[in-house]
Amino acid sequence: MLNAKRFAPLPTVALGDCRQQRPTSRRCECGGCGKTFLATAIIDAMPAFDDRAGGYTILRHLHCDFCNHVEVWTEGVDLDGRPSGVPLGPRGRLTGTLVEKFLARYPEAAGVEMC
């Protein structure tokens, strides 16, 4: 028997309640071409305290093999040091020889994607 107190008819569920709170927790999209990557393709720096943000943040990098650039952005972190999934400010982009240097340092950043 269905417990009526736990049932919410579809029209009464707000759209915001259905969205994933942490968009980069499982996948991430390139800001240039929209290609989807697994979150394991993101290279994270160590969390550091940011006075402007008023808490700990993490610098994240994503290499897109289609656009041949590296996107760079900052996110806040939770108490366990996990990224929040919400970028703090706009994404930056590394191109040219900076991409080659990045891949030389982090070869694992290339080739992980979601189909």
Protein backbone atom coordinates (compact mmCIF):
# COMPACT_ATOMS: atom_id res chain seq x y z
CA MET A 1 0.00 0.00 0.00
CA LEU A 2 1.30 3.46 -0.94
CA ASN A 3 2.04 5.78 1.97
CA ALA A 4 0.17 8.99 1.02
CA LYS A 5 2.37 11.13 3.27
CA ARG A 6 5.47 10.22 1.26
CA PHE A 7 3.93 10.59 -2.21
CA ALA A 8 4.38 13.82 -4.20
CA PRO A 9 2.36 14.08 -7.43
CA LEU A 10 4.56 15.15 -10.37
CA PRO A 11 2.91 18.55 -10.93
CA THR A 12 3.74 19.61 -7.35
CA VAL A 13 7.49 18.94 -7.57
CA ALA A 14 9.42 22.14 -8.28
CA LEU A 15 11.87 21.95 -11.19
CA GLY A 16 14.71 23.15 -8.93
CA ASP A 17 14.20 20.10 -6.71
CA CYS A 18 14.90 17.78 -9.65
CA ARG A 19 18.21 19.26 -10.76
CA GLN A 20 21.54 17.81 -9.75
CA GLN A 21 23.16 20.07 -7.14
CA ARG A 22 26.76 19.26 -8.07
CA PRO A 23 27.05 19.39 -11.88
CA THR A 24 30.73 18.43 -11.99
CA SER A 25 30.46 15.56 -9.52
CA ARG A 26 29.95 13.01 -12.33
CA ARG A 27 30.59 14.81 -15.59
CA CYS A 28 31.73 18.13 -17.03
CA GLU A 29 31.21 19.85 -20.37
CA CYS A 30 33.73 21.80 -22.39
CA GLY A 31 32.78 25.47 -22.49
CA GLY A 32 33.91 25.69 -26.12
CA CYS A 33 32.37 22.74 -27.95
CA GLY A 34 30.09 21.19 -25.31
CA LYS A 35 31.81 17.80 -25.36
CA THR A 36 31.03 15.82 -22.19
CA PHE A 37 33.81 14.38 -20.03
CA LEU A 38 33.81 12.21 -16.94
CA ALA A 39 34.73 14.05 -13.76
CA THR A 40 37.85 11.86 -13.60
CA ALA A 41 39.22 13.89 -16.53
CA ILE A 42 39.37 16.98 -14.31
CA ILE A 43 42.75 17.68 -12.73
CA ASP A 44 42.43 19.31 -9.30
CA ALA A 45 44.97 21.32 -7.37
CA MET A 46 45.07 21.15 -3.58
CA PRO A 47 42.36 23.17 -1.80
CA ALA A 48 43.60 26.52 -0.51
CA PHE A 49 42.03 29.26 1.58
CA ASP A 50 40.83 32.22 -0.49
CA ASP A 51 40.24 35.50 1.38
CA ARG A 52 37.98 36.87 -1.37
CA ALA A 53 35.75 33.79 -1.34
CA GLY A 54 35.83 33.58 2.44
CA GLY A 55 36.67 29.89 2.48
CA TYR A 56 38.57 27.10 0.80
CA THR A 57 38.59 26.87 -2.98
CA ILE A 58 40.10 24.50 -5.51
CA LEU A 59 41.62 25.23 -8.92
CA ARG A 60 40.37 22.79 -11.59
CA HIS A 61 41.64 22.02 -15.12
CA LEU A 62 39.96 20.18 -18.01
CA HIS A 63 41.72 19.32 -21.28
CA CYS A 64 39.45 19.15 -24.33
CA ASP A 65 41.04 17.12 -27.09
CA PHE A 66 38.52 18.40 -29.65
CA CYS A 67 39.18 22.13 -29.02
CA ASN A 68 42.81 21.50 -28.00
CA HIS A 69 42.70 23.81 -25.01
CA VAL A 70 42.65 23.53 -21.22
CA GLU A 71 39.82 25.15 -19.31
CA VAL A 72 40.69 26.51 -15.88
CA TRP A 73 38.20 27.49 -13.17
CA THR A 74 37.84 27.79 -9.42
CA GLU A 75 35.21 26.12 -7.25
CA GLY A 76 34.43 26.20 -3.56
CA VAL A 77 34.92 23.02 -1.55
CA ASP A 78 32.92 21.37 1.21
CA LEU A 79 34.32 20.47 4.63
CA ASP A 80 35.79 17.25 3.25
CA GLY A 81 37.66 19.11 0.48
CA ARG A 82 35.37 17.93 -2.33
CA PRO A 83 34.54 20.45 -5.09
CA SER A 84 31.09 22.00 -4.82
CA GLY A 85 30.38 21.79 -8.56
CA VAL A 86 29.63 25.50 -8.76
CA PRO A 87 32.27 27.65 -10.50
CA LEU A 88 33.32 30.85 -8.74
CA GLY A 89 33.65 33.30 -11.60
CA PRO A 90 34.30 32.75 -15.30
CA ARG A 91 36.42 29.96 -16.78
CA GLY A 92 39.83 30.73 -18.22
CA ARG A 93 41.50 29.02 -21.16
CA LEU A 94 45.04 27.83 -21.81
CA THR A 95 46.07 27.45 -25.46
CA GLY A 96 49.15 26.81 -27.59
CA THR A 97 52.34 25.73 -25.83
CA LEU A 98 50.63 26.00 -22.43
CA VAL A 99 48.47 23.01 -23.41
CA GLU A 100 51.57 20.99 -24.30
CA LYS A 101 53.20 21.87 -20.97
CA PHE A 102 50.02 20.95 -19.10
CA LEU A 103 49.78 17.54 -20.83
CA ALA A 104 53.48 16.86 -20.23
CA ARG A 105 52.88 17.40 -16.52
CA TYR A 106 49.48 15.65 -16.38
CA PRO A 107 49.35 12.99 -19.15
CA GLU A 108 46.34 11.39 -17.46
CA ALA A 109 44.26 14.47 -18.45
CA ALA A 110 44.02 13.29 -22.07
CA GLY A 111 41.61 10.68 -23.34
CA VAL A 112 39.01 10.25 -20.58
CA GLU A 113 35.55 11.02 -21.89
CA MET A 114 31.89 10.10 -21.61
CA CYS A 115 30.04 8.83 -24.66
